Amino acid sequence: MPDLMFISNTNLRHLERMQFDGAPDLIVEVVSNDSQTRDRREKFLEYQQMGVREYWIIDPLVKGVEFYSLKRKAYVAMEPVDARINSVVLPGLFIRPEWFWQLRPPKVLGLLKQMG
């Protein structure tokens, strides 16, 4: 079970009452002490094989982030452009990795205006 997932309207047909029988479009995992190997190896391979189009790993233990996009059935690291990662799955959505580690997170309304 991922920490967070996004399912596009196209894939809602796989949603059943108590489960989702398909590949979400985007999955986010937040690493904990006991999930290091599972998130970076086991789930990475599982999500890749399932066809999850975008996979983000947020690691508060080392203040690191990893973003991957599925290309030809294999994950490729998404590189920052202008210090931000642009989502492939959700056009217009971008993340600045430093946002995760700021003492005061940016205000949501300000972020939405930037992405507008």
N, C-alpha and C. Protein backbone atom coordinates (compact mmCIF):
# COMPACT_ATOMS: atom_id res chain seq x y z
N MET A 1 0.85 -1.18 0.00
CA MET A 1 0.00 0.00 0.00
C MET A 1 0.89 1.24 0.00
N PRO A 2 0.77 2.07 -1.03
CA PRO A 2 1.60 3.28 -1.08
C PRO A 2 1.13 4.31 -0.05
N ASP A 3 2.04 5.25 0.26
CA ASP A 3 1.68 6.34 1.17
C ASP A 3 0.69 7.29 0.52
N LEU A 4 0.87 7.51 -0.78
CA LEU A 4 -0.01 8.40 -1.52
C LEU A 4 -0.05 7.93 -2.97
N MET A 5 -1.22 8.00 -3.59
CA MET A 5 -1.30 7.65 -5.01
C MET A 5 -2.32 8.53 -5.69
N PHE A 6 -2.11 8.72 -6.99
CA PHE A 6 -3.03 9.47 -7.83
C PHE A 6 -3.51 8.55 -8.93
N ILE A 7 -4.82 8.57 -9.17
CA ILE A 7 -5.42 7.77 -10.23
C ILE A 7 -6.15 8.73 -11.16
N SER A 8 -5.77 8.72 -12.42
CA SER A 8 -6.41 9.61 -13.40
C SER A 8 -7.81 9.11 -13.74
N ASN A 9 -8.59 9.99 -14.32
CA ASN A 9 -9.94 9.62 -14.74
C ASN A 9 -9.92 8.43 -15.69
N THR A 10 -8.89 8.34 -16.52
CA THR A 10 -8.77 7.24 -17.47
C THR A 10 -8.69 5.90 -16.76
N ASN A 11 -8.04 5.87 -15.59
CA ASN A 11 -7.85 4.61 -14.87
C ASN A 11 -8.88 4.34 -13.78
N LEU A 12 -9.86 5.22 -13.63
CA LEU A 12 -10.88 5.00 -12.61
C LEU A 12 -11.69 3.73 -12.84
N ARG A 13 -11.69 3.23 -14.05
CA ARG A 13 -12.44 1.99 -14.33
C ARG A 13 -11.90 0.80 -13.52
N HIS A 14 -10.66 0.91 -13.03
CA HIS A 14 -10.05 -0.16 -12.22
C HIS A 14 -10.40 -0.04 -10.74
N LEU A 15 -11.08 1.02 -10.37
CA LEU A 15 -11.42 1.26 -8.97
C LEU A 15 -12.68 0.49 -8.60
N GLU A 16 -12.54 -0.35 -7.59
CA GLU A 16 -13.68 -1.10 -7.07
C GLU A 16 -14.01 -0.56 -5.70
N ARG A 17 -15.03 -1.08 -5.09
CA ARG A 17 -15.49 -0.53 -3.80
C ARG A 17 -14.39 -0.50 -2.74
N MET A 18 -13.64 -1.56 -2.58
CA MET A 18 -12.64 -1.64 -1.52
C MET A 18 -11.21 -1.80 -2.02
N GLN A 19 -11.00 -1.73 -3.34
CA GLN A 19 -9.64 -1.90 -3.85
C GLN A 19 -9.49 -1.28 -5.23
N PHE A 20 -8.26 -1.13 -5.63
CA PHE A 20 -7.93 -0.63 -6.96
C PHE A 20 -7.19 -1.75 -7.67
N ASP A 21 -7.74 -2.24 -8.74
CA ASP A 21 -7.15 -3.37 -9.47
C ASP A 21 -6.50 -2.86 -10.75
N GLY A 22 -5.35 -2.25 -10.60
CA GLY A 22 -4.63 -1.70 -11.74
C GLY A 22 -3.44 -0.92 -11.26
N ALA A 23 -2.83 -0.18 -12.15
CA ALA A 23 -1.64 0.62 -11.80
C ALA A 23 -2.07 2.09 -11.64
N PRO A 24 -1.84 2.65 -10.45
CA PRO A 24 -2.07 4.09 -10.31
C PRO A 24 -1.14 4.85 -11.26
N ASP A 25 -1.47 6.08 -11.54
CA ASP A 25 -0.64 6.88 -12.43
C ASP A 25 0.59 7.44 -11.71
N LEU A 26 0.44 7.75 -10.43
CA LEU A 26 1.52 8.33 -9.64
C LEU A 26 1.48 7.75 -8.24
N ILE A 27 2.66 7.37 -7.74
CA ILE A 27 2.77 6.86 -6.36
C ILE A 27 3.86 7.64 -5.66
N VAL A 28 3.60 8.00 -4.40
CA VAL A 28 4.58 8.67 -3.55
C VAL A 28 4.80 7.80 -2.32
N GLU A 29 6.06 7.50 -2.04
CA GLU A 29 6.42 6.76 -0.83
C GLU A 29 7.29 7.67 0.04
N VAL A 30 6.98 7.70 1.34
CA VAL A 30 7.79 8.42 2.32
C VAL A 30 8.57 7.37 3.08
N VAL A 31 9.89 7.44 2.97
CA VAL A 31 10.77 6.43 3.55
C VAL A 31 10.82 6.56 5.07
N SER A 32 10.78 5.42 5.74
CA SER A 32 10.98 5.37 7.19
C SER A 32 12.15 4.43 7.46
N ASN A 33 12.57 4.35 8.71
CA ASN A 33 13.71 3.47 9.06
C ASN A 33 13.51 2.05 8.56
N ASP A 34 12.30 1.54 8.71
CA ASP A 34 12.08 0.13 8.35
C ASP A 34 11.63 -0.08 6.91
N SER A 35 11.55 0.99 6.11
CA SER A 35 11.10 0.81 4.73
C SER A 35 12.16 1.15 3.69
N GLN A 36 13.40 1.38 4.09
CA GLN A 36 14.47 1.76 3.17
C GLN A 36 14.58 0.80 1.98
N THR A 37 14.81 -0.46 2.28
CA THR A 37 14.97 -1.47 1.22
C THR A 37 13.68 -1.68 0.46
N ARG A 38 12.58 -1.75 1.18
CA ARG A 38 11.29 -2.02 0.54
C ARG A 38 10.93 -0.91 -0.46
N ASP A 39 11.09 0.36 -0.07
CA ASP A 39 10.71 1.46 -0.96
C ASP A 39 11.64 1.61 -2.15
N ARG A 40 12.94 1.41 -1.93
CA ARG A 40 13.93 1.67 -2.98
C ARG A 40 14.17 0.46 -3.89
N ARG A 41 13.88 -0.71 -3.43
CA ARG A 41 14.15 -1.90 -4.26
C ARG A 41 12.87 -2.65 -4.59
N GLU A 42 12.22 -3.18 -3.55
CA GLU A 42 11.06 -4.04 -3.79
C GLU A 42 9.91 -3.28 -4.45
N LYS A 43 9.50 -2.17 -3.84
CA LYS A 43 8.38 -1.42 -4.41
C LYS A 43 8.77 -0.76 -5.73
N PHE A 44 10.02 -0.31 -5.84
CA PHE A 44 10.50 0.28 -7.08
C PHE A 44 10.27 -0.71 -8.23
N LEU A 45 10.72 -1.94 -8.07
CA LEU A 45 10.56 -2.95 -9.11
C LEU A 45 9.09 -3.32 -9.32
N GLU A 46 8.36 -3.45 -8.23
CA GLU A 46 6.94 -3.80 -8.33
C GLU A 46 6.16 -2.72 -9.09
N TYR A 47 6.36 -1.46 -8.73
CA TYR A 47 5.64 -0.38 -9.40
C TYR A 47 6.06 -0.26 -10.87
N GLN A 48 7.32 -0.47 -11.13
CA GLN A 48 7.82 -0.43 -12.51
C GLN A 48 7.14 -1.52 -13.34
N GLN A 49 7.07 -2.74 -12.81
CA GLN A 49 6.45 -3.85 -13.53
C GLN A 49 4.95 -3.65 -13.70
N MET A 50 4.31 -3.02 -12.71
CA MET A 50 2.87 -2.75 -12.78
C MET A 50 2.53 -1.69 -13.82
N GLY A 51 3.51 -0.83 -14.14
CA GLY A 51 3.26 0.23 -15.09
C GLY A 51 2.88 1.56 -14.46
N VAL A 52 3.26 1.78 -13.20
CA VAL A 52 3.02 3.07 -12.55
C VAL A 52 3.87 4.10 -13.28
N ARG A 53 3.24 5.11 -13.83
CA ARG A 53 3.92 6.05 -14.73
C ARG A 53 4.90 6.98 -14.02
N GLU A 54 4.67 7.27 -12.75
CA GLU A 54 5.56 8.17 -12.03
C GLU A 54 5.68 7.68 -10.59
N TYR A 55 6.91 7.67 -10.06
CA TYR A 55 7.18 7.18 -8.70
C TYR A 55 8.09 8.18 -8.00
N TRP A 56 7.63 8.70 -6.87
CA TRP A 56 8.41 9.64 -6.07
C TRP A 56 8.78 8.97 -4.76
N ILE A 57 10.02 9.13 -4.36
CA ILE A 57 10.49 8.64 -3.05
C ILE A 57 10.95 9.86 -2.26
N ILE A 58 10.31 10.10 -1.13
CA ILE A 58 10.65 11.21 -0.24
C ILE A 58 11.33 10.60 0.99
N ASP A 59 12.56 11.01 1.26
CA ASP A 59 13.33 10.42 2.36
C ASP A 59 13.70 11.46 3.40
N PRO A 60 12.88 11.63 4.43
CA PRO A 60 13.18 12.61 5.48
C PRO A 60 14.41 12.23 6.31
N LEU A 61 14.82 10.97 6.28
CA LEU A 61 15.97 10.53 7.07
C LEU A 61 17.27 11.17 6.57
N VAL A 62 17.38 11.36 5.26
CA VAL A 62 18.58 11.98 4.68
C VAL A 62 18.24 13.28 3.94
N LYS A 63 16.99 13.73 4.10
CA LYS A 63 16.51 14.92 3.40
C LYS A 63 16.78 14.81 1.90
N GLY A 64 16.33 13.70 1.35
CA GLY A 64 16.52 13.45 -0.07
C GLY A 64 15.21 13.12 -0.76
N VAL A 65 15.19 13.36 -2.06
CA VAL A 65 14.02 13.02 -2.88
C VAL A 65 14.50 12.37 -4.18
N GLU A 66 13.71 11.45 -4.67
CA GLU A 66 13.99 10.80 -5.95
C GLU A 66 12.68 10.78 -6.73
N PHE A 67 12.76 11.14 -7.99
CA PHE A 67 11.58 11.17 -8.85
C PHE A 67 11.89 10.34 -10.09
N TYR A 68 10.96 9.45 -10.43
CA TYR A 68 11.16 8.56 -11.58
C TYR A 68 9.94 8.61 -12.49
N SER A 69 10.19 8.49 -13.78
CA SER A 69 9.15 8.43 -14.79
C SER A 69 9.35 7.16 -15.60
N LEU A 70 8.26 6.50 -15.94
CA LEU A 70 8.33 5.24 -16.69
C LEU A 70 8.52 5.53 -18.17
N LYS A 71 9.61 5.02 -18.71
CA LYS A 71 9.92 5.16 -20.14
C LYS A 71 10.26 3.77 -20.68
N ARG A 72 9.50 3.31 -21.64
CA ARG A 72 9.74 1.99 -22.24
C ARG A 72 9.86 0.89 -21.19
N LYS A 73 8.93 0.90 -20.24
CA LYS A 73 8.81 -0.13 -19.20
C LYS A 73 9.93 -0.11 -18.16
N ALA A 74 10.71 0.98 -18.08
CA ALA A 74 11.77 1.10 -17.07
C ALA A 74 11.76 2.51 -16.51
N TYR A 75 12.03 2.62 -15.22
CA TYR A 75 12.09 3.94 -14.59
C TYR A 75 13.37 4.68 -14.96
N VAL A 76 13.18 5.95 -15.25
CA VAL A 76 14.28 6.86 -15.55
C VAL A 76 14.17 8.01 -14.55
N ALA A 77 15.31 8.39 -13.96
CA ALA A 77 15.31 9.49 -13.01
C ALA A 77 14.87 10.78 -13.70
N MET A 78 14.00 11.52 -13.03
CA MET A 78 13.54 12.81 -13.55
C MET A 78 14.49 13.87 -13.01
N GLU A 79 15.10 14.60 -13.90
CA GLU A 79 16.07 15.62 -13.51
C GLU A 79 15.40 16.98 -13.34
N PRO A 80 15.88 17.77 -12.38
CA PRO A 80 15.30 19.11 -12.19
C PRO A 80 15.57 20.02 -13.39
N VAL A 81 14.60 20.87 -13.67
CA VAL A 81 14.73 21.93 -14.66
C VAL A 81 14.40 23.21 -13.91
N ASP A 82 15.32 24.16 -13.89
CA ASP A 82 15.14 25.39 -13.12
C ASP A 82 14.84 25.08 -11.65
N ALA A 83 15.56 24.12 -11.09
CA ALA A 83 15.45 23.72 -9.68
C ALA A 83 14.08 23.15 -9.31
N ARG A 84 13.39 22.61 -10.29
CA ARG A 84 12.10 21.99 -9.99
C ARG A 84 11.92 20.73 -10.83
N ILE A 85 11.12 19.81 -10.29
CA ILE A 85 10.76 18.58 -10.99
C ILE A 85 9.35 18.78 -11.54
N ASN A 86 9.20 18.61 -12.84
CA ASN A 86 7.90 18.76 -13.49
C ASN A 86 7.26 17.39 -13.64
N SER A 87 6.05 17.25 -13.13
CA SER A 87 5.34 15.99 -13.25
C SER A 87 4.98 15.71 -14.70
N VAL A 88 5.16 14.46 -15.10
CA VAL A 88 4.75 14.01 -16.43
C VAL A 88 3.27 13.65 -16.40
N VAL A 89 2.84 13.07 -15.30
CA VAL A 89 1.46 12.59 -15.15
C VAL A 89 0.48 13.75 -14.99
N LEU A 90 0.87 14.76 -14.25
CA LEU A 90 0.00 15.90 -13.98
C LEU A 90 0.63 17.17 -14.55
N PRO A 91 0.39 17.46 -15.83
CA PRO A 91 0.99 18.65 -16.45
C PRO A 91 0.64 19.91 -15.65
N GLY A 92 1.67 20.72 -15.43
CA GLY A 92 1.49 21.95 -14.64
C GLY A 92 1.92 21.78 -13.20
N LEU A 93 1.92 20.54 -12.70
CA LEU A 93 2.37 20.29 -11.33
C LEU A 93 3.88 20.19 -11.31
N PHE A 94 4.50 20.92 -10.40
CA PHE A 94 5.93 20.80 -10.22
C PHE A 94 6.25 20.84 -8.74
N ILE A 95 7.40 20.29 -8.40
CA ILE A 95 7.87 20.23 -7.02
C ILE A 95 9.28 20.80 -6.99
N ARG A 96 9.54 21.63 -6.04
CA ARG A 96 10.90 22.07 -5.76
C ARG A 96 11.37 21.25 -4.56
N PRO A 97 12.36 20.39 -4.75
CA PRO A 97 12.76 19.49 -3.66
C PRO A 97 13.04 20.19 -2.33
N GLU A 98 13.53 21.42 -2.36
CA GLU A 98 13.82 22.11 -1.08
C GLU A 98 12.57 22.41 -0.27
N TRP A 99 11.40 22.40 -0.91
CA TRP A 99 10.16 22.64 -0.16
C TRP A 99 9.98 21.64 0.98
N PHE A 100 10.43 20.41 0.77
CA PHE A 100 10.23 19.37 1.78
C PHE A 100 11.01 19.65 3.06
N TRP A 101 12.08 20.41 2.99
CA TRP A 101 12.98 20.56 4.14
C TRP A 101 12.98 21.96 4.73
N GLN A 102 12.12 22.84 4.24
CA GLN A 102 12.03 24.19 4.79
C GLN A 102 11.39 24.14 6.17
N LEU A 103 11.86 25.04 7.06
CA LEU A 103 11.25 25.10 8.39
C LEU A 103 9.79 25.52 8.29
N ARG A 104 9.51 26.44 7.40
CA ARG A 104 8.12 26.85 7.16
C ARG A 104 7.78 26.49 5.72
N PRO A 105 6.91 25.52 5.55
CA PRO A 105 6.55 25.13 4.17
C PRO A 105 5.87 26.28 3.44
N PRO A 106 5.98 26.31 2.12
CA PRO A 106 5.31 27.37 1.35
C PRO A 106 3.80 27.25 1.51
N LYS A 107 3.14 28.37 1.37
CA LYS A 107 1.68 28.39 1.48
C LYS A 107 1.06 27.78 0.22
N VAL A 108 0.08 26.94 0.41
CA VAL A 108 -0.55 26.21 -0.68
C VAL A 108 -1.10 27.15 -1.74
N LEU A 109 -1.77 28.21 -1.33
CA LEU A 109 -2.36 29.13 -2.31
C LEU A 109 -1.29 29.76 -3.20
N GLY A 110 -0.15 30.10 -2.61
CA GLY A 110 0.96 30.67 -3.39
C GLY A 110 1.51 29.66 -4.38
N LEU A 111 1.59 28.40 -3.97
CA LEU A 111 2.08 27.34 -4.87
C LEU A 111 1.11 27.15 -6.04
N LEU A 112 -0.16 27.12 -5.74
CA LEU A 112 -1.15 26.93 -6.80
C LEU A 112 -1.11 28.06 -7.81
N LYS A 113 -0.88 29.28 -7.34
CA LYS A 113 -0.77 30.40 -8.26
C LYS A 113 0.44 30.24 -9.18
N GLN A 114 1.55 29.74 -8.64
CA GLN A 114 2.75 29.52 -9.45
C GLN A 114 2.49 28.47 -10.53
N MET A 115 1.71 27.46 -10.19
CA MET A 115 1.45 26.37 -11.12
C MET A 115 0.35 26.71 -12.12
N GLY A 116 -0.44 27.75 -11.79
CA GLY A 116 -1.60 28.17 -12.54
C GLY A 116 -1.45 28.14 -13.98
